[in-house]
Amino acid sequence: MSWKREREVGLIADLLKEVPEAAKYKTALEKLEQENERLKAENDGLKQELSRVIDRWETLDGDALNALVYLSQNERGNATEIAHAYKVNIQIAETYLKQLVSLQYVHAHANGEAAHYGLAHKGRWYLKERGLLKAG
């Protein structure tokens, strides 16, 4: 509980002590406070579960997946290398790499004229969850 919330609860408790007619509300207030804490904990658990489900169901199509696999097998790569490896147009490879950066599956490294990309933790996790990450 935050210090502000503790202070508010303390002020309400003091008020309940000072005003005899308010004592009948003390039990109700305590029950509401307990229910609030229980609901906060439940909400946090549901948020974590939802995050795991979203991560698991997020899917990538073939060319984006190929780029991830390439980066998992090579320390770094650029759009030209990936396009050549999978025989796709370089613009397609660049588009998918930019998408993967925005989704945080890969990270970009500025290196002279061409950007190089590396596999991010989320990309490694994605491949591992699907059995596509080769041990190495």
N, C-alpha and C. Protein backbone atom coordinates (compact mmCIF):
# COMPACT_ATOMS: atom_id res chain seq x y z
N MET A 1 0.85 -1.17 0.00
CA MET A 1 0.00 0.00 0.00
C MET A 1 0.90 1.23 0.00
N SER A 2 0.56 2.24 -0.80
CA SER A 2 1.37 3.45 -0.87
C SER A 2 1.24 4.26 0.41
N TRP A 3 2.22 5.13 0.63
CA TRP A 3 2.19 5.94 1.86
C TRP A 3 0.97 6.85 1.86
N LYS A 4 0.57 7.33 0.67
CA LYS A 4 -0.61 8.20 0.60
C LYS A 4 -1.86 7.42 1.01
N ARG A 5 -1.96 6.21 0.50
CA ARG A 5 -3.13 5.37 0.83
C ARG A 5 -3.12 5.01 2.31
N GLU A 6 -1.94 4.71 2.85
CA GLU A 6 -1.84 4.40 4.29
C GLU A 6 -2.28 5.60 5.12
N ARG A 7 -1.87 6.79 4.69
CA ARG A 7 -2.26 8.00 5.41
C ARG A 7 -3.77 8.19 5.37
N GLU A 8 -4.37 7.96 4.21
CA GLU A 8 -5.82 8.10 4.07
C GLU A 8 -6.55 7.11 4.97
N VAL A 9 -6.08 5.85 4.97
CA VAL A 9 -6.71 4.84 5.81
C VAL A 9 -6.54 5.22 7.28
N GLY A 10 -5.35 5.73 7.64
CA GLY A 10 -5.11 6.17 9.01
C GLY A 10 -6.03 7.31 9.42
N LEU A 11 -6.24 8.26 8.52
CA LEU A 11 -7.14 9.38 8.81
C LEU A 11 -8.58 8.89 9.01
N ILE A 12 -8.99 7.96 8.18
CA ILE A 12 -10.35 7.41 8.31
C ILE A 12 -10.47 6.65 9.63
N ALA A 13 -9.44 5.88 9.99
CA ALA A 13 -9.47 5.14 11.26
C ALA A 13 -9.55 6.11 12.43
N ASP A 14 -8.80 7.21 12.37
CA ASP A 14 -8.85 8.22 13.43
C ASP A 14 -10.25 8.82 13.53
N LEU A 15 -10.84 9.10 12.38
CA LEU A 15 -12.18 9.67 12.35
C LEU A 15 -13.20 8.70 12.97
N LEU A 16 -13.03 7.41 12.66
CA LEU A 16 -13.93 6.41 13.21
C LEU A 16 -13.83 6.33 14.74
N LYS A 17 -12.63 6.56 15.28
CA LYS A 17 -12.44 6.55 16.73
C LYS A 17 -13.09 7.78 17.38
N GLU A 18 -13.00 8.91 16.71
CA GLU A 18 -13.49 10.17 17.28
C GLU A 18 -15.00 10.32 17.20
N VAL A 19 -15.60 9.74 16.19
CA VAL A 19 -17.04 9.89 15.99
C VAL A 19 -17.71 8.55 16.28
N PRO A 20 -18.34 8.41 17.43
CA PRO A 20 -18.94 7.13 17.82
C PRO A 20 -19.95 6.59 16.81
N GLU A 21 -20.70 7.48 16.17
CA GLU A 21 -21.71 7.03 15.20
C GLU A 21 -21.05 6.39 13.97
N ALA A 22 -19.79 6.73 13.71
CA ALA A 22 -19.10 6.20 12.54
C ALA A 22 -18.53 4.81 12.78
N ALA A 23 -18.51 4.36 14.02
CA ALA A 23 -17.92 3.06 14.35
C ALA A 23 -18.58 1.91 13.60
N LYS A 24 -19.88 2.05 13.33
CA LYS A 24 -20.58 0.97 12.62
C LYS A 24 -20.04 0.79 11.20
N TYR A 25 -19.34 1.79 10.66
CA TYR A 25 -18.80 1.71 9.31
C TYR A 25 -17.39 1.11 9.28
N LYS A 26 -16.77 0.95 10.44
CA LYS A 26 -15.40 0.45 10.51
C LYS A 26 -15.27 -0.94 9.90
N THR A 27 -16.14 -1.85 10.28
CA THR A 27 -16.08 -3.21 9.77
C THR A 27 -16.28 -3.23 8.26
N ALA A 28 -17.24 -2.45 7.80
CA ALA A 28 -17.50 -2.38 6.35
C ALA A 28 -16.28 -1.82 5.62
N LEU A 29 -15.66 -0.81 6.19
CA LEU A 29 -14.48 -0.21 5.57
C LEU A 29 -13.33 -1.23 5.52
N GLU A 30 -13.13 -1.98 6.58
CA GLU A 30 -12.07 -2.99 6.61
C GLU A 30 -12.33 -4.07 5.57
N LYS A 31 -13.58 -4.50 5.43
CA LYS A 31 -13.92 -5.51 4.43
C LYS A 31 -13.67 -4.99 3.01
N LEU A 32 -14.04 -3.73 2.78
CA LEU A 32 -13.81 -3.13 1.46
C LEU A 32 -12.32 -3.02 1.15
N GLU A 33 -11.53 -2.67 2.14
CA GLU A 33 -10.08 -2.56 1.96
C GLU A 33 -9.48 -3.92 1.62
N GLN A 34 -9.92 -4.98 2.33
CA GLN A 34 -9.43 -6.33 2.04
C GLN A 34 -9.84 -6.78 0.63
N GLU A 35 -11.08 -6.50 0.28
CA GLU A 35 -11.56 -6.86 -1.06
C GLU A 35 -10.79 -6.11 -2.14
N ASN A 36 -10.50 -4.86 -1.89
CA ASN A 36 -9.72 -4.05 -2.83
C ASN A 36 -8.33 -4.65 -3.04
N GLU A 37 -7.66 -5.04 -1.96
CA GLU A 37 -6.32 -5.64 -2.07
C GLU A 37 -6.39 -6.97 -2.81
N ARG A 38 -7.42 -7.78 -2.53
CA ARG A 38 -7.57 -9.06 -3.23
C ARG A 38 -7.78 -8.84 -4.72
N LEU A 39 -8.62 -7.86 -5.07
CA LEU A 39 -8.89 -7.57 -6.47
C LEU A 39 -7.66 -7.03 -7.20
N LYS A 40 -6.86 -6.22 -6.51
CA LYS A 40 -5.62 -5.72 -7.11
C LYS A 40 -4.69 -6.88 -7.45
N ALA A 41 -4.54 -7.82 -6.51
CA ALA A 41 -3.67 -8.97 -6.73
C ALA A 41 -4.21 -9.82 -7.89
N GLU A 42 -5.52 -10.03 -7.92
CA GLU A 42 -6.12 -10.81 -9.00
C GLU A 42 -5.92 -10.12 -10.34
N ASN A 43 -6.09 -8.80 -10.37
CA ASN A 43 -5.91 -8.03 -11.59
C ASN A 43 -4.46 -8.13 -12.10
N ASP A 44 -3.49 -8.04 -11.19
CA ASP A 44 -2.09 -8.17 -11.58
C ASP A 44 -1.82 -9.54 -12.20
N GLY A 45 -2.38 -10.58 -11.58
CA GLY A 45 -2.22 -11.93 -12.11
C GLY A 45 -2.84 -12.08 -13.50
N LEU A 46 -4.00 -11.50 -13.69
CA LEU A 46 -4.67 -11.57 -14.99
C LEU A 46 -3.90 -10.79 -16.07
N LYS A 47 -3.32 -9.67 -15.69
CA LYS A 47 -2.50 -8.90 -16.64
C LYS A 47 -1.30 -9.72 -17.09
N GLN A 48 -0.65 -10.42 -16.16
CA GLN A 48 0.50 -11.25 -16.51
C GLN A 48 0.08 -12.40 -17.42
N GLU A 49 -1.03 -13.02 -17.10
CA GLU A 49 -1.52 -14.13 -17.92
C GLU A 49 -1.87 -13.65 -19.33
N LEU A 50 -2.53 -12.51 -19.42
CA LEU A 50 -2.88 -11.95 -20.73
C LEU A 50 -1.63 -11.65 -21.55
N SER A 51 -0.62 -11.11 -20.91
CA SER A 51 0.64 -10.81 -21.59
C SER A 51 1.25 -12.08 -22.17
N ARG A 52 1.24 -13.17 -21.40
CA ARG A 52 1.79 -14.45 -21.88
C ARG A 52 0.98 -14.97 -23.06
N VAL A 53 -0.34 -14.86 -22.99
CA VAL A 53 -1.20 -15.35 -24.08
C VAL A 53 -0.97 -14.53 -25.35
N ILE A 54 -0.89 -13.23 -25.20
CA ILE A 54 -0.65 -12.38 -26.37
C ILE A 54 0.68 -12.72 -27.01
N ASP A 55 1.72 -12.88 -26.19
CA ASP A 55 3.04 -13.24 -26.73
C ASP A 55 2.99 -14.58 -27.45
N ARG A 56 2.27 -15.54 -26.89
CA ARG A 56 2.23 -16.87 -27.48
C ARG A 56 1.47 -16.87 -28.82
N TRP A 57 0.41 -16.06 -28.93
CA TRP A 57 -0.43 -16.08 -30.12
C TRP A 57 0.02 -15.11 -31.19
N GLU A 58 0.95 -14.24 -30.86
CA GLU A 58 1.47 -13.32 -31.87
C GLU A 58 2.24 -14.15 -32.89
N THR A 59 1.89 -14.01 -34.14
CA THR A 59 2.54 -14.83 -35.17
C THR A 59 3.20 -13.95 -36.22
N LEU A 60 4.19 -14.51 -36.85
CA LEU A 60 4.90 -13.83 -37.92
C LEU A 60 4.77 -14.67 -39.18
N ASP A 61 4.72 -14.00 -40.33
CA ASP A 61 4.60 -14.77 -41.57
C ASP A 61 5.97 -15.27 -42.03
N GLY A 62 5.99 -15.97 -43.14
CA GLY A 62 7.18 -16.66 -43.62
C GLY A 62 8.43 -15.81 -43.76
N ASP A 63 8.33 -14.67 -44.45
CA ASP A 63 9.52 -13.86 -44.68
C ASP A 63 10.04 -13.22 -43.40
N ALA A 64 9.14 -12.78 -42.54
CA ALA A 64 9.56 -12.23 -41.25
C ALA A 64 10.21 -13.32 -40.41
N LEU A 65 9.62 -14.49 -40.42
CA LEU A 65 10.16 -15.62 -39.68
C LEU A 65 11.53 -16.03 -40.23
N ASN A 66 11.67 -16.01 -41.53
CA ASN A 66 12.96 -16.32 -42.15
C ASN A 66 14.04 -15.34 -41.68
N ALA A 67 13.68 -14.08 -41.58
CA ALA A 67 14.64 -13.07 -41.11
C ALA A 67 15.07 -13.38 -39.68
N LEU A 68 14.11 -13.76 -38.84
CA LEU A 68 14.45 -14.11 -37.46
C LEU A 68 15.37 -15.33 -37.41
N VAL A 69 15.04 -16.34 -38.18
CA VAL A 69 15.86 -17.56 -38.20
C VAL A 69 17.27 -17.22 -38.67
N TYR A 70 17.38 -16.41 -39.72
CA TYR A 70 18.69 -16.00 -40.22
C TYR A 70 19.50 -15.33 -39.12
N LEU A 71 18.87 -14.40 -38.41
CA LEU A 71 19.58 -13.68 -37.36
C LEU A 71 19.93 -14.58 -36.18
N SER A 72 19.17 -15.64 -35.97
CA SER A 72 19.51 -16.58 -34.89
C SER A 72 20.72 -17.44 -35.26
N GLN A 73 20.95 -17.59 -36.55
CA GLN A 73 22.06 -18.43 -37.01
C GLN A 73 23.31 -17.62 -37.33
N ASN A 74 23.17 -16.31 -37.35
CA ASN A 74 24.29 -15.41 -37.62
C ASN A 74 24.29 -14.33 -36.55
N GLU A 75 25.46 -13.90 -36.15
CA GLU A 75 25.51 -12.90 -35.08
C GLU A 75 24.78 -11.62 -35.48
N ARG A 76 24.94 -11.23 -36.72
CA ARG A 76 24.27 -10.04 -37.25
C ARG A 76 23.96 -10.27 -38.72
N GLY A 77 23.08 -9.44 -39.24
CA GLY A 77 22.78 -9.53 -40.66
C GLY A 77 22.16 -8.25 -41.14
N ASN A 78 22.19 -8.05 -42.46
CA ASN A 78 21.52 -6.88 -43.02
C ASN A 78 20.51 -7.35 -44.06
N ALA A 79 19.76 -6.41 -44.60
CA ALA A 79 18.68 -6.76 -45.53
C ALA A 79 19.21 -7.46 -46.77
N THR A 80 20.35 -7.03 -47.27
CA THR A 80 20.93 -7.64 -48.47
C THR A 80 21.26 -9.11 -48.22
N GLU A 81 21.89 -9.41 -47.08
CA GLU A 81 22.26 -10.79 -46.75
C GLU A 81 21.02 -11.68 -46.60
N ILE A 82 20.02 -11.16 -45.93
CA ILE A 82 18.80 -11.93 -45.71
C ILE A 82 18.05 -12.14 -47.02
N ALA A 83 17.97 -11.10 -47.85
CA ALA A 83 17.31 -11.22 -49.15
C ALA A 83 18.01 -12.27 -50.01
N HIS A 84 19.34 -12.25 -50.00
CA HIS A 84 20.11 -13.22 -50.78
C HIS A 84 19.90 -14.64 -50.24
N ALA A 85 19.93 -14.80 -48.92
CA ALA A 85 19.80 -16.13 -48.31
C ALA A 85 18.44 -16.77 -48.61
N TYR A 86 17.39 -15.97 -48.66
CA TYR A 86 16.04 -16.52 -48.85
C TYR A 86 15.44 -16.19 -50.22
N LYS A 87 16.29 -15.62 -51.09
CA LYS A 87 15.88 -15.31 -52.46
C LYS A 87 14.60 -14.48 -52.53
N VAL A 88 14.63 -13.35 -51.79
CA VAL A 88 13.52 -12.39 -51.84
C VAL A 88 14.09 -11.03 -52.22
N ASN A 89 13.21 -10.15 -52.63
CA ASN A 89 13.58 -8.79 -52.98
C ASN A 89 14.13 -8.07 -51.74
N ILE A 90 15.15 -7.26 -51.94
CA ILE A 90 15.76 -6.56 -50.80
C ILE A 90 14.77 -5.64 -50.09
N GLN A 91 13.85 -5.02 -50.84
CA GLN A 91 12.85 -4.15 -50.21
C GLN A 91 11.94 -4.94 -49.27
N ILE A 92 11.64 -6.17 -49.64
CA ILE A 92 10.83 -7.02 -48.77
C ILE A 92 11.58 -7.31 -47.49
N ALA A 93 12.84 -7.66 -47.62
CA ALA A 93 13.66 -7.93 -46.43
C ALA A 93 13.76 -6.69 -45.55
N GLU A 94 13.97 -5.52 -46.15
CA GLU A 94 14.04 -4.27 -45.37
C GLU A 94 12.73 -3.99 -44.65
N THR A 95 11.62 -4.20 -45.33
CA THR A 95 10.31 -3.95 -44.73
C THR A 95 10.09 -4.86 -43.52
N TYR A 96 10.41 -6.13 -43.67
CA TYR A 96 10.22 -7.05 -42.56
C TYR A 96 11.17 -6.75 -41.40
N LEU A 97 12.40 -6.36 -41.71
CA LEU A 97 13.34 -6.01 -40.64
C LEU A 97 12.84 -4.80 -39.86
N LYS A 98 12.32 -3.81 -40.56
CA LYS A 98 11.76 -2.63 -39.86
C LYS A 98 10.57 -3.03 -38.99
N GLN A 99 9.74 -3.91 -39.51
CA GLN A 99 8.59 -4.40 -38.73
C GLN A 99 9.08 -5.15 -37.49
N LEU A 100 10.07 -5.98 -37.65
CA LEU A 100 10.60 -6.75 -36.53
C LEU A 100 11.25 -5.85 -35.48
N VAL A 101 11.86 -4.76 -35.92
CA VAL A 101 12.42 -3.79 -34.97
C VAL A 101 11.29 -3.14 -34.19
N SER A 102 10.23 -2.73 -34.89
CA SER A 102 9.11 -2.06 -34.21
C SER A 102 8.40 -2.99 -33.23
N LEU A 103 8.42 -4.29 -33.50
CA LEU A 103 7.81 -5.28 -32.61
C LEU A 103 8.79 -5.79 -31.55
N GLN A 104 10.03 -5.30 -31.61
CA GLN A 104 11.10 -5.61 -30.66
C GLN A 104 11.59 -7.06 -30.73
N TYR A 105 11.49 -7.67 -31.91
CA TYR A 105 12.05 -8.99 -32.12
C TYR A 105 13.53 -8.90 -32.48
N VAL A 106 13.91 -7.82 -33.12
CA VAL A 106 15.31 -7.59 -33.47
C VAL A 106 15.67 -6.16 -33.10
N HIS A 107 16.98 -5.89 -33.05
CA HIS A 107 17.45 -4.54 -32.81
C HIS A 107 18.40 -4.15 -33.93
N ALA A 108 18.41 -2.88 -34.26
CA ALA A 108 19.23 -2.38 -35.36
C ALA A 108 20.54 -1.82 -34.81
N HIS A 109 21.60 -2.04 -35.58
CA HIS A 109 22.92 -1.48 -35.27
C HIS A 109 23.34 -0.64 -36.46
N ALA A 110 23.56 0.64 -36.25
CA ALA A 110 24.04 1.48 -37.34
C ALA A 110 25.50 1.14 -37.58
N ASN A 111 25.81 0.84 -38.83
CA ASN A 111 27.18 0.44 -39.16
C ASN A 111 27.50 0.97 -40.55
N GLY A 112 27.92 2.20 -40.63
CA GLY A 112 28.22 2.78 -41.93
C GLY A 112 26.95 3.05 -42.71
N GLU A 113 26.92 2.58 -43.95
CA GLU A 113 25.78 2.86 -44.83
C GLU A 113 24.59 1.94 -44.60
N ALA A 114 24.85 0.68 -44.33
CA ALA A 114 23.76 -0.29 -44.19
C ALA A 114 23.54 -0.63 -42.72
N ALA A 115 22.28 -0.69 -42.33
CA ALA A 115 21.95 -1.08 -40.96
C ALA A 115 22.14 -2.59 -40.81
N HIS A 116 22.72 -2.98 -39.70
CA HIS A 116 22.85 -4.39 -39.36
C HIS A 116 21.87 -4.67 -38.23
N TYR A 117 21.38 -5.87 -38.22
CA TYR A 117 20.37 -6.25 -37.24
C TYR A 117 20.84 -7.45 -36.43
N GLY A 118 20.40 -7.48 -35.19
CA GLY A 118 20.69 -8.61 -34.32
C GLY A 118 19.41 -9.10 -33.68
N LEU A 119 19.42 -10.34 -33.28
CA LEU A 119 18.24 -10.95 -32.65
C LEU A 119 18.09 -10.41 -31.23
N ALA A 120 16.92 -9.90 -30.90
CA ALA A 120 16.63 -9.40 -29.56
C ALA A 120 16.10 -10.56 -28.70
N HIS A 121 16.01 -10.33 -27.42
CA HIS A 121 15.53 -11.36 -26.49
C HIS A 121 14.14 -11.88 -26.90
N LYS A 122 13.25 -10.97 -27.29
CA LYS A 122 11.90 -11.38 -27.67
C LYS A 122 11.93 -12.28 -28.91
N GLY A 123 12.80 -11.97 -29.86
CA GLY A 123 12.93 -12.81 -31.05
C GLY A 123 13.48 -14.18 -30.72
N ARG A 124 14.48 -14.22 -29.84
CA ARG A 124 15.04 -15.50 -29.41
C ARG A 124 13.97 -16.34 -28.71
N TRP A 125 13.19 -15.68 -27.83
CA TRP A 125 12.11 -16.37 -27.12
C TRP A 125 11.08 -16.91 -28.11
N TYR A 126 10.70 -16.09 -29.09
CA TYR A 126 9.70 -16.49 -30.09
C TYR A 126 10.15 -17.76 -30.81
N LEU A 127 11.40 -17.78 -31.26
CA LEU A 127 11.91 -18.95 -31.97
C LEU A 127 12.00 -20.17 -31.05
N LYS A 128 12.44 -19.95 -29.84
CA LYS A 128 12.58 -21.06 -28.89
C LYS A 128 11.22 -21.67 -28.58
N GLU A 129 10.19 -20.84 -28.37
CA GLU A 129 8.84 -21.33 -28.07
C GLU A 129 8.28 -22.18 -29.20
N ARG A 130 8.74 -21.94 -30.41
CA ARG A 130 8.23 -22.68 -31.57
C ARG A 130 9.19 -23.77 -32.05
N GLY A 131 10.23 -24.02 -31.27
CA GLY A 131 11.19 -25.06 -31.61
C GLY A 131 12.05 -24.73 -32.81
N LEU A 132 12.23 -23.44 -33.09
CA LEU A 132 12.98 -23.02 -34.26
C LEU A 132 14.37 -22.46 -33.93
N LEU A 133 14.72 -22.45 -32.67
CA LEU A 133 16.01 -21.91 -32.27
C LEU A 133 16.99 -23.07 -32.15
N LYS A 134 18.00 -23.04 -33.00
CA LYS A 134 18.99 -24.11 -32.98
C LYS A 134 19.98 -23.88 -31.84
N ALA A 135 20.31 -24.94 -31.15
CA ALA A 135 21.28 -24.83 -30.06
C ALA A 135 22.62 -24.42 -30.65
N GLY A 136 23.27 -23.55 -29.90
CA GLY A 136 24.55 -23.11 -30.45
C GLY A 136 25.33 -22.27 -29.54
